[in-house]
Amino acid sequence: MASFTRSDDLRGAVFTEVDLTGARFDGADLRGAVLRGVDLAGAEIDARSAQT
């Protein structure tokens, strides 16, 4: 399994027709993210307010 950390810059990345089943996003900044045609069945989302 691939792992990405703070030092990996994925800003502006585009994921097209990828399978992220079982992926975890811990402490990720998803501001401005766009999700279209995604299946979120069984997803667990716990949001926190952005730090300014």
Protein backbone atom coordinates (compact mmCIF):
# COMPACT_ATOMS: atom_id res chain seq x y z
CA MET A 1 0.00 0.00 0.00
CA ALA A 2 1.30 3.45 -0.90
CA SER A 3 1.68 6.04 1.86
CA PHE A 4 1.82 9.79 1.44
CA THR A 5 2.88 12.20 4.19
CA ARG A 6 3.10 15.94 4.75
CA SER A 7 6.26 16.09 2.63
CA ASP A 8 4.40 14.74 -0.44
CA ASP A 9 2.82 17.62 -2.33
CA LEU A 10 -0.38 16.41 -3.99
CA ARG A 11 -1.94 19.88 -4.34
CA GLY A 12 -3.80 20.14 -7.62
CA ALA A 13 -3.56 16.39 -8.27
CA VAL A 14 -6.28 14.83 -10.42
CA PHE A 15 -7.48 11.29 -9.72
CA THR A 16 -9.53 9.90 -12.60
CA GLU A 17 -11.35 6.56 -12.36
CA VAL A 18 -9.13 5.37 -9.49
CA ASP A 19 -10.12 2.88 -6.80
CA LEU A 20 -9.51 4.38 -3.37
CA THR A 21 -11.45 1.67 -1.52
CA GLY A 22 -10.18 1.51 2.05
CA ALA A 23 -8.04 4.66 1.70
CA ARG A 24 -7.67 6.87 4.79
CA PHE A 25 -7.24 10.62 4.85
CA ASP A 26 -6.10 11.70 8.33
CA GLY A 27 -5.63 15.41 8.92
CA ALA A 28 -5.94 16.09 5.18
CA ASP A 29 -6.73 19.57 3.86
CA LEU A 30 -9.51 19.05 1.32
CA ARG A 31 -10.57 22.70 1.05
CA GLY A 32 -11.73 23.38 -2.50
CA ALA A 33 -11.80 19.68 -3.37
CA VAL A 34 -14.35 18.65 -6.00
CA LEU A 35 -15.89 15.16 -5.92
CA ARG A 36 -18.09 14.23 -8.90
CA GLY A 37 -19.68 10.88 -9.64
CA VAL A 38 -18.21 9.30 -6.50
CA ASP A 39 -19.60 6.40 -4.49
CA LEU A 40 -19.48 7.21 -0.77
CA ALA A 41 -21.40 4.14 0.43
CA GLY A 42 -20.02 3.18 3.84
CA ALA A 43 -17.81 6.28 4.04
CA GLU A 44 -17.12 7.81 7.45
CA ILE A 45 -16.59 11.57 7.42
CA ASP A 46 -15.68 13.53 10.55
CA ALA A 47 -14.99 17.19 9.72
CA ARG A 48 -13.13 19.74 11.79
CA SER A 49 -13.07 23.47 11.27
CA ALA A 50 -10.11 24.92 9.42
CA GLN A 51 -7.35 26.50 11.46
CA THR A 52 -6.72 30.12 10.51
